[in-house]
C-alpha atoms as a PDB file:
ATOM      1  CA  MET A   1      98.553 151.060 -93.404  1.00  0.00           C
ATOM      2  CA  LYS A   2      97.342 147.450 -93.666  1.00  0.00           C
ATOM      3  CA  LYS A   3      95.287 147.911 -90.474  1.00  0.00           C
ATOM      4  CA  VAL A   4      93.716 151.107 -91.857  1.00  0.00           C
ATOM      5  CA  ASN A   5      92.868 149.409 -95.166  1.00  0.00           C
ATOM      6  CA  PHE A   6      91.354 146.472 -93.280  1.00  0.00           C
ATOM      7  CA  LEU A   7      89.331 148.889 -91.144  1.00  0.00           C
ATOM      8  CA  PHE A   8      87.866 150.693 -94.151  1.00  0.00           C
ATOM      9  CA  GLY A   9      87.118 147.306 -95.694  1.00  0.00           C
ATOM     10  CA  LEU A  10      85.008 146.422 -92.651  1.00  0.00           C
ATOM     11  CA  ILE A  11      83.193 149.764 -92.818  1.00  0.00           C
ATOM     12  CA  THR A  12      82.468 149.167 -96.522  1.00  0.00           C
ATOM     13  CA  ALA A  13      81.162 145.683 -95.720  1.00  0.00           C
ATOM     14  CA  LEU A  14      78.811 147.126 -93.086  1.00  0.00           C
ATOM     15  CA  LEU A  15      77.472 149.672 -95.568  1.00  0.00           C
ATOM     16  CA  ILE A  16      76.971 147.006 -98.256  1.00  0.00           C
ATOM     17  CA  LEU A  17      75.171 144.835 -95.707  1.00  0.00           C
ATOM     18  CA  SER A  18      72.935 147.764 -94.776  1.00  0.00           C
ATOM     19  CA  GLY A  19      72.075 148.323 -98.434  1.00  0.00           C
ATOM     20  CA  SER A  20      71.219 144.644 -98.860  1.00  0.00           C
ATOM     21  CA  ILE A  21      68.900 144.706 -95.871  1.00  0.00           C
ATOM     22  CA  ALA A  22      67.351 147.944 -97.118  1.00  0.00           C
ATOM     23  CA  VAL A  23      66.449 146.312-100.465  1.00  0.00           C
ATOM     24  CA  ASN A  24      64.746 143.383 -98.750  1.00  0.00           C
ATOM     25  CA  GLU A  25      63.045 145.480 -96.093  1.00  0.00           C
ATOM     26  CA  ALA A  26      62.375 148.783 -97.883  1.00  0.00           C
ATOM     27  CA  LYS A  27      59.204 149.357 -95.908  1.00  0.00           C
ATOM     28  CA  ALA A  28      61.017 148.874 -92.622  1.00  0.00           C
ATOM     29  CA  GLN A  29      63.569 151.646 -93.010  1.00  0.00           C
ATOM     30  CA  GLN A  30      63.665 154.544 -90.643  1.00  0.00           C
ATOM     31  CA  TYR A  31      66.321 157.242 -90.779  1.00  0.00           C
ATOM     32  CA  ASP A  32      67.480 159.251 -87.755  1.00  0.00           C
ATOM     33  CA  PHE A  33      69.866 162.174 -87.542  1.00  0.00           C
ATOM     34  CA  GLY A  34      71.136 163.682 -84.324  1.00  0.00           C
ATOM     35  CA  GLY A  35      73.922 164.869 -82.102  1.00  0.00           C
ATOM     36  CA  GLY A  36      75.048 165.035 -78.528  1.00  0.00           C
ATOM     37  CA  LEU A  37      77.445 166.315 -75.894  1.00  0.00           C
ATOM     38  CA  GLY A  38      79.343 164.666 -73.079  1.00  0.00           C
ATOM     39  CA  VAL A  39      82.779 164.041 -71.631  1.00  0.00           C
ATOM     40  CA  ALA A  40      85.881 162.163 -72.812  1.00  0.00           C
ATOM     41  CA  ALA A  41      88.607 160.374 -70.855  1.00  0.00           C
ATOM     42  CA  TYR A  42      91.800 158.393 -71.536  1.00  0.00           C
ATOM     43  CA  SER A  43      93.653 155.440 -70.004  1.00  0.00           C
ATOM     44  CA  GLY A  44      97.218 154.333 -70.697  1.00  0.00           C
ATOM     45  CA  GLU A  45     100.650 154.775 -69.117  1.00  0.00           C
ATOM     46  CA  ILE A  46      99.673 157.894 -67.175  1.00  0.00           C
ATOM     47  CA  VAL A  47      96.141 156.872 -66.144  1.00  0.00           C
ATOM     48  CA  ARG A  48      95.567 153.144 -65.634  1.00  0.00           C
ATOM     49  CA  ARG A  49      91.799 153.316 -65.219  1.00  0.00           C
ATOM     50  CA  LEU A  50      89.006 155.718 -66.122  1.00  0.00           C
ATOM     51  CA  ASP A  51      89.906 158.924 -64.268  1.00  0.00           C
ATOM     52  CA  GLN A  52      86.857 161.009 -63.351  1.00  0.00           C
ATOM     53  CA  GLY A  53      89.110 163.904 -62.404  1.00  0.00           C
ATOM     54  CA  LYS A  54      90.594 164.352 -65.896  1.00  0.00           C
ATOM     55  CA  LEU A  55      87.602 164.697 -68.210  1.00  0.00           C
ATOM     56  CA  GLY A  56      87.405 166.708 -71.404  1.00  0.00           C
ATOM     57  CA  LEU A  57      84.525 167.926 -73.535  1.00  0.00           C
ATOM     58  CA  GLN A  58      83.101 165.559 -76.167  1.00  0.00           C
ATOM     59  CA  GLY A  59      80.595 166.077 -78.979  1.00  0.00           C
ATOM     60  CA  THR A  60      79.130 163.975 -81.790  1.00  0.00           C
ATOM     61  CA  LEU A  61      76.985 164.166 -84.953  1.00  0.00           C
ATOM     62  CA  PHE A  62      75.506 161.004 -86.467  1.00  0.00           C
ATOM     63  CA  GLY A  63      73.059 159.438 -88.893  1.00  0.00           C
ATOM     64  CA  ARG A  64      71.255 156.159 -88.247  1.00  0.00           C
ATOM     65  CA  ARG A  65      69.383 153.609 -90.351  1.00  0.00           C
ATOM     66  CA  ASN A  66      66.951 151.434 -88.367  1.00  0.00           C
ATOM     67  CA  PHE A  67      66.348 148.132 -90.137  1.00  0.00           C
ATOM     68  CA  ASP A  68      63.714 146.918 -87.671  1.00  0.00           C
ATOM     69  CA  ASN A  69      62.871 147.229 -83.985  1.00  0.00           C
ATOM     70  CA  VAL A  70      66.099 145.455 -83.028  1.00  0.00           C
ATOM     71  CA  TRP A  71      68.990 146.359 -85.356  1.00  0.00           C
ATOM     72  CA  SER A  72      70.340 149.773 -86.409  1.00  0.00           C
ATOM     73  CA  LEU A  73      73.435 150.985 -88.244  1.00  0.00           C
ATOM     74  CA  ARG A  74      74.890 154.260 -86.977  1.00  0.00           C
ATOM     75  CA  ALA A  75      77.653 156.286 -88.665  1.00  0.00           C
ATOM     76  CA  GLY A  76      79.041 159.405 -87.060  1.00  0.00           C
ATOM     77  CA  LEU A  77      81.773 161.949 -86.453  1.00  0.00           C
ATOM     78  CA  SER A  78      82.923 162.689 -82.906  1.00  0.00           C
ATOM     79  CA  PHE A  79      85.302 165.144 -81.266  1.00  0.00           C
ATOM     80  CA  GLY A  80      86.901 164.820 -77.847  1.00  0.00           C
ATOM     81  CA  ARG A  81      89.444 166.551 -75.624  1.00  0.00           C
ATOM     82  CA  LEU A  82      91.926 164.248 -73.839  1.00  0.00           C
ATOM     83  CA  THR A  83      94.431 165.228 -71.158  1.00  0.00           C
ATOM     84  CA  ALA A  84      96.572 163.573 -68.465  1.00  0.00           C
ATOM     85  CA  ALA A  85      99.721 164.284 -66.420  1.00  0.00           C
ATOM     86  CA  ASP A  86     101.938 162.311 -64.037  1.00  0.00           C
ATOM     87  CA  SER A  87     102.096 165.402 -61.809  1.00  0.00           C
ATOM     88  CA  VAL A  88      98.315 165.165 -61.294  1.00  0.00           C
ATOM     89  CA  THR A  89      97.686 161.408 -61.321  1.00  0.00           C
ATOM     90  CA  ARG A  90     100.810 160.494 -59.249  1.00  0.00           C
ATOM     91  CA  LEU A  91     100.380 156.746 -59.669  1.00  0.00           C
ATOM     92  CA  ASP A  92     103.710 155.808 -58.058  1.00  0.00           C
ATOM     93  CA  PRO A  93     107.198 157.289 -57.413  1.00  0.00           C
ATOM     94  CA  ALA A  94     108.459 156.171 -60.831  1.00  0.00           C
ATOM     95  CA  ALA A  95     105.603 157.990 -62.570  1.00  0.00           C
ATOM     96  CA  ILE A  96     106.162 161.131 -60.491  1.00  0.00           C
ATOM     97  CA  TYR A  97     109.840 161.210 -61.470  1.00  0.00           C
ATOM     98  CA  ARG A  98     108.942 160.511 -65.103  1.00  0.00           C
ATOM     99  CA  ASP A  99     106.724 163.638 -65.165  1.00  0.00           C
ATOM    100  CA  ALA A 100     104.994 162.866 -68.482  1.00  0.00           C
ATOM    101  CA  GLY A 101     101.905 164.711 -69.654  1.00  0.00           C
ATOM    102  CA  PHE A 102      99.837 165.658 -72.682  1.00  0.00           C
ATOM    103  CA  ARG A 103      96.678 167.441 -73.818  1.00  0.00           C
ATOM    104  CA  GLY A 104      95.090 167.206 -77.226  1.00  0.00           C
ATOM    105  CA  ASN A 105      92.063 166.648 -79.446  1.00  0.00           C
ATOM    106  CA  VAL A 106      90.748 163.454 -81.032  1.00  0.00           C
ATOM    107  CA  LEU A 107      88.606 163.444 -84.186  1.00  0.00           C
ATOM    108  CA  GLU A 108      86.816 160.143 -84.826  1.00  0.00           C
ATOM    109  CA  ALA A 109      84.808 158.609 -87.681  1.00  0.00           C
ATOM    110  CA  SER A 110      83.003 155.350 -86.902  1.00  0.00           C
ATOM    111  CA  ALA A 111      80.267 152.940 -87.981  1.00  0.00           C
ATOM    112  CA  VAL A 112      78.579 150.710 -85.383  1.00  0.00           C
ATOM    113  CA  MET A 113      75.705 148.225 -85.244  1.00  0.00           C
ATOM    114  CA  GLU A 114      73.234 148.790 -82.419  1.00  0.00           C
ATOM    115  CA  TYR A 115      71.157 146.020 -80.805  1.00  0.00           C
ATOM    116  CA  HIS A 116      68.016 147.021 -78.856  1.00  0.00           C
ATOM    117  CA  PHE A 117      66.754 144.698 -76.151  1.00  0.00           C
ATOM    118  CA  LEU A 118      63.174 146.023 -76.042  1.00  0.00           C
ATOM    119  CA  ASP A 119      60.669 147.076 -78.704  1.00  0.00           C
ATOM    120  CA  PHE A 120      60.170 150.776 -77.926  1.00  0.00           C
ATOM    121  CA  THR A 121      59.533 152.329 -81.365  1.00  0.00           C
ATOM    122  CA  HIS A 122      56.147 150.846 -82.278  1.00  0.00           C
ATOM    123  CA  PRO A 123      53.165 153.104 -81.406  1.00  0.00           C
ATOM    124  CA  GLN A 124      51.607 150.279 -79.351  1.00  0.00           C
ATOM    125  CA  ALA A 125      54.881 149.233 -77.721  1.00  0.00           C
ATOM    126  CA  GLN A 126      54.707 148.303 -74.048  1.00  0.00           C
ATOM    127  CA  PHE A 127      57.862 150.297 -73.270  1.00  0.00           C
ATOM    128  CA  ARG A 128      58.978 153.784 -74.266  1.00  0.00           C
ATOM    129  CA  PHE A 129      62.622 152.957 -73.529  1.00  0.00           C
ATOM    130  CA  SER A 130      65.182 150.272 -74.302  1.00  0.00           C
ATOM    131  CA  PRO A 131      68.721 149.402 -73.210  1.00  0.00           C
ATOM    132  CA  TYR A 132      71.037 148.756 -76.152  1.00  0.00           C
ATOM    133  CA  GLY A 133      74.560 147.670 -76.953  1.00  0.00           C
ATOM    134  CA  PHE A 134      76.789 148.546 -79.901  1.00  0.00           C
ATOM    135  CA  PHE A 135      79.963 147.351 -81.625  1.00  0.00           C
ATOM    136  CA  GLY A 136      81.767 148.493 -84.763  1.00  0.00           C
ATOM    137  CA  VAL A 137      84.880 149.915 -86.391  1.00  0.00           C
ATOM    138  CA  GLY A 138      86.357 153.366 -86.877  1.00  0.00           C
ATOM    139  CA  VAL A 139      89.423 155.530 -87.273  1.00  0.00           C
ATOM    140  CA  SER A 140      90.745 158.380 -85.105  1.00  0.00           C
ATOM    141  CA  TYR A 141      93.101 161.288 -85.699  1.00  0.00           C
ATOM    142  CA  PHE A 142      94.815 162.596 -82.553  1.00  0.00           C
ATOM    143  CA  SER A 143      96.662 165.935 -82.364  1.00  0.00           C
ATOM    144  CA  ALA A 144      98.303 166.956 -79.092  1.00  0.00           C
ATOM    145  CA  GLU A 145     101.174 168.555 -77.206  1.00  0.00           C
ATOM    146  CA  GLY A 146     103.109 166.726 -74.522  1.00  0.00           C
ATOM    147  CA  GLN A 147     106.273 165.168 -73.179  1.00  0.00           C
ATOM    148  CA  ALA A 148     107.161 161.535 -72.573  1.00  0.00           C
ATOM    149  CA  TYR A 149     109.346 162.369 -69.565  1.00  0.00           C
ATOM    150  CA  PHE A 150     110.995 165.300 -67.816  1.00  0.00           C
ATOM    151  CA  GLY A 151     113.599 166.814 -70.113  1.00  0.00           C
ATOM    152  CA  ASP A 152     112.219 165.066 -73.204  1.00  0.00           C
ATOM    153  CA  PRO A 153     114.145 166.609 -76.159  1.00  0.00           C
ATOM    154  CA  GLU A 154     111.204 165.828 -78.454  1.00  0.00           C
ATOM    155  CA  ALA A 155     108.581 167.473 -76.247  1.00  0.00           C
ATOM    156  CA  GLY A 156     105.983 169.512 -78.096  1.00  0.00           C
ATOM    157  CA  SER A 157     103.395 168.910 -80.798  1.00  0.00           C
ATOM    158  CA  TYR A 158     102.688 165.457 -82.228  1.00  0.00           C
ATOM    159  CA  SER A 159      99.886 163.699 -84.101  1.00  0.00           C
ATOM    160  CA  LEU A 160      98.867 160.192 -85.127  1.00  0.00           C
ATOM    161  CA  THR A 161      96.111 158.220 -86.836  1.00  0.00           C
ATOM    162  CA  THR A 162      94.872 154.884 -85.506  1.00  0.00           C
ATOM    163  CA  PRO A 163      92.100 152.366 -86.238  1.00  0.00           C
ATOM    164  CA  ILE A 164      89.736 151.897 -83.324  1.00  0.00           C
ATOM    165  CA  ILE A 165      87.158 149.368 -82.144  1.00  0.00           C
ATOM    166  CA  PRO A 166      84.219 151.259 -80.579  1.00  0.00           C
ATOM    167  CA  PHE A 167      81.801 149.377 -78.339  1.00  0.00           C
ATOM    168  CA  GLY A 168      79.581 150.103 -75.373  1.00  0.00           C
ATOM    169  CA  ALA A 169      76.030 150.363 -74.076  1.00  0.00           C
ATOM    170  CA  GLY A 170      73.311 152.857 -73.365  1.00  0.00           C
ATOM    171  CA  VAL A 171      69.605 153.517 -72.862  1.00  0.00           C
ATOM    172  CA  LYS A 172      67.203 155.144 -75.329  1.00  0.00           C
ATOM    173  CA  TYR A 173      63.910 156.851 -74.452  1.00  0.00           C
ATOM    174  CA  ARG A 174      61.259 157.735 -77.048  1.00  0.00           C
ATOM    175  CA  LEU A 175      60.118 161.271 -76.275  1.00  0.00           C
ATOM    176  CA  THR A 176      57.680 161.378 -79.215  1.00  0.00           C
ATOM    177  CA  ASP A 177      57.145 159.444 -82.454  1.00  0.00           C
ATOM    178  CA  ARG A 178      60.069 161.360 -83.983  1.00  0.00           C
ATOM    179  CA  TRP A 179      62.343 162.447 -81.110  1.00  0.00           C
ATOM    180  CA  THR A 180      64.546 160.011 -79.133  1.00  0.00           C
ATOM    181  CA  LEU A 181      66.796 160.775 -76.168  1.00  0.00           C
ATOM    182  CA  ALA A 182      69.737 158.491 -75.298  1.00  0.00           C
ATOM    183  CA  ALA A 183      72.516 158.203 -72.703  1.00  0.00           C
ATOM    184  CA  GLU A 184      75.587 156.184 -73.729  1.00  0.00           C
ATOM    185  CA  LEU A 185      78.984 155.019 -72.475  1.00  0.00           C
ATOM    186  CA  GLY A 186      81.401 154.071 -75.259  1.00  0.00           C
ATOM    187  CA  PHE A 187      84.835 152.431 -75.093  1.00  0.00           C
ATOM    188  CA  ARG A 188      87.459 152.948 -77.812  1.00  0.00           C
ATOM    189  CA  ALA A 189      90.183 150.314 -78.084  1.00  0.00           C
ATOM    190  CA  THR A 190      92.992 151.811 -80.176  1.00  0.00           C
ATOM    191  CA  PHE A 191      95.826 150.179 -82.111  1.00  0.00           C
ATOM    192  CA  THR A 192      98.498 152.499 -80.710  1.00  0.00           C
ATOM    193  CA  ASP A 193     100.418 152.937 -77.459  1.00  0.00           C
ATOM    194  CA  LEU A 194     101.363 156.536 -78.263  1.00  0.00           C
ATOM    195  CA  LEU A 195      98.297 158.630 -77.427  1.00  0.00           C
ATOM    196  CA  ASP A 196     100.240 159.791 -74.361  1.00  0.00           C
ATOM    197  CA  LYS A 197     103.550 160.020 -76.320  1.00  0.00           C
ATOM    198  CA  ILE A 198     105.100 157.327 -74.073  1.00  0.00           C
ATOM    199  CA  ASP A 199     106.639 154.526 -76.140  1.00  0.00           C
ATOM    200  CA  GLY A 200     106.903 151.405 -73.982  1.00  0.00           C
ATOM    201  CA  THR A 201     109.239 149.737 -76.499  1.00  0.00           C
ATOM    202  CA  GLN A 202     112.007 152.325 -76.035  1.00  0.00           C
ATOM    203  CA  PRO A 203     114.918 151.550 -73.689  1.00  0.00           C
ATOM    204  CA  SER A 204     114.740 153.188 -70.287  1.00  0.00           C
ATOM    205  CA  ILE A 205     116.765 156.312 -69.571  1.00  0.00           C
ATOM    206  CA  PRO A 206     117.745 156.379 -65.859  1.00  0.00           C
ATOM    207  CA  ARG A 207     117.898 160.029 -64.791  1.00  0.00           C
ATOM    208  CA  PHE A 208     118.286 160.212 -61.010  1.00  0.00           C
ATOM    209  CA  GLN A 209     120.395 158.553 -58.326  1.00  0.00           C
ATOM    210  CA  ASP A 210     119.204 157.192 -55.018  1.00  0.00           C
ATOM    211  CA  PRO A 211     121.434 158.816 -52.337  1.00  0.00           C
ATOM    212  CA  ALA A 212     121.214 155.604 -50.318  1.00  0.00           C
ATOM    213  CA  ASN A 213     122.324 153.513 -53.296  1.00  0.00           C
ATOM    214  CA  PRO A 214     124.119 155.610 -55.987  1.00  0.00           C
ATOM    215  CA  SER A 215     124.747 152.535 -58.119  1.00  0.00           C
ATOM    216  CA  ARG A 216     121.012 152.139 -58.800  1.00  0.00           C
ATOM    217  CA  PRO A 217     119.614 155.166 -60.698  1.00  0.00           C
ATOM    218  CA  PHE A 218     115.852 155.570 -60.913  1.00  0.00           C
ATOM    219  CA  GLY A 219     113.272 157.713 -62.672  1.00  0.00           C
ATOM    220  CA  ASN A 220     112.942 156.988 -66.405  1.00  0.00           C
ATOM    221  CA  ASN A 221     110.832 157.345 -69.543  1.00  0.00           C
ATOM    222  CA  THR A 222     109.397 153.850 -69.787  1.00  0.00           C
ATOM    223  CA  GLY A 223     105.806 152.675 -70.076  1.00  0.00           C
ATOM    224  CA  ASN A 224     103.965 149.385 -70.433  1.00  0.00           C
ATOM    225  CA  TYR A 225     104.833 147.868 -73.828  1.00  0.00           C
ATOM    226  CA  SER A 226     102.267 145.039 -73.551  1.00  0.00           C
ATOM    227  CA  ASP A 227      99.022 147.017 -74.010  1.00  0.00           C
ATOM    228  CA  ASN A 228      97.652 149.897 -76.071  1.00  0.00           C
ATOM    229  CA  ASP A 229      95.962 153.120 -75.012  1.00  0.00           C
ATOM    230  CA  TRP A 230      92.178 153.546 -74.763  1.00  0.00           C
ATOM    231  CA  TYR A 231      89.778 156.462 -74.636  1.00  0.00           C
ATOM    232  CA  TYR A 232      86.136 156.744 -73.617  1.00  0.00           C
ATOM    233  CA  PHE A 233      83.042 158.822 -74.409  1.00  0.00           C
ATOM    234  CA  LEU A 234      80.152 159.346 -71.992  1.00  0.00           C
ATOM    235  CA  GLY A 235      77.308 161.534 -73.141  1.00  0.00           C
ATOM    236  CA  VAL A 236      73.701 162.290 -73.970  1.00  0.00           C
ATOM    237  CA  THR A 237      72.315 162.432 -77.520  1.00  0.00           C
ATOM    238  CA  ILE A 238      69.044 163.436 -79.139  1.00  0.00           C
ATOM    239  CA  SER A 239      67.892 162.298 -82.576  1.00  0.00           C
ATOM    240  CA  TYR A 240      65.065 163.070 -84.992  1.00  0.00           C
ATOM    241  CA  SER A 241      63.375 160.499 -87.249  1.00  0.00           C
ATOM    242  CA  PHE A 242      62.579 161.443 -90.861  1.00  0.00           C
ATOM    243  CA  SER A 243      60.281 158.446 -91.452  1.00  0.00           C
ATOM    244  CA  SER A 244      56.749 157.841 -90.267  1.00  0.00           C
ATOM    245  CA  VAL A 245      56.863 154.084 -90.969  1.00  0.00           C
ATOM    246  CA  LYS A 246      56.261 152.244 -87.708  1.00  0.00           C
ATOM    247  CA  CYS A 247      55.214 148.702 -88.672  1.00  0.00           C
ATOM    248  CA  TYR A 248      58.346 146.622 -89.254  1.00  0.00           C
ATOM    249  CA  ALA A 249      58.560 143.335 -91.105  1.00  0.00           C
ATOM    250  CA  TYR A 250      60.286 140.498 -89.271  1.00  0.00           C
END
């Protein structure tokens, strides 16, 4: 709860900061609204790195306030489908015997600051595109079905809420004075190790015996207790500007 309260405090601070900048630079405001589609992926105990073979659908709606040609504040809602299974990934024999798996939906609310490396919005700008990076805060609600290991007595539906730290990079292209196309890869660092239902802090439960060495059972429910789970969004967005102001004050 303290982490969630801290997260919302940061979001509030970003919004207050945006209002302060808006007062000082009223003529420089430009508001965008848009949406996009793409794919979502997860990494954790079942998938150690971004797995291109286990991608789910992802969508987003957002509003943006552009303070100048460099800085923007974007707030949005996103939805993603995450899935993974030891039977598909087959990282190692221990994971195969564990036989964990899940599939579920993540609903995310976030606020991020965007930094543009090139001036591409001015009518006389040299470039019509710009790479950009972003960093912010958010919160995610995850609802899924899964099992932590073969024979898990608590297999089935589960849900959780976690603060997240979204960050990433992309490229924007100005189609017209009002329409902008963007491609973006975003990383979500979570504050939980339970997206995949595998709790690395729980004691192992040996479940099989090695015929060559019956005194050493193998195959258990454990995961890595030292890191948290992540998820990722990769997609394309399009946005529309509701302001015709193009000359920014610096």
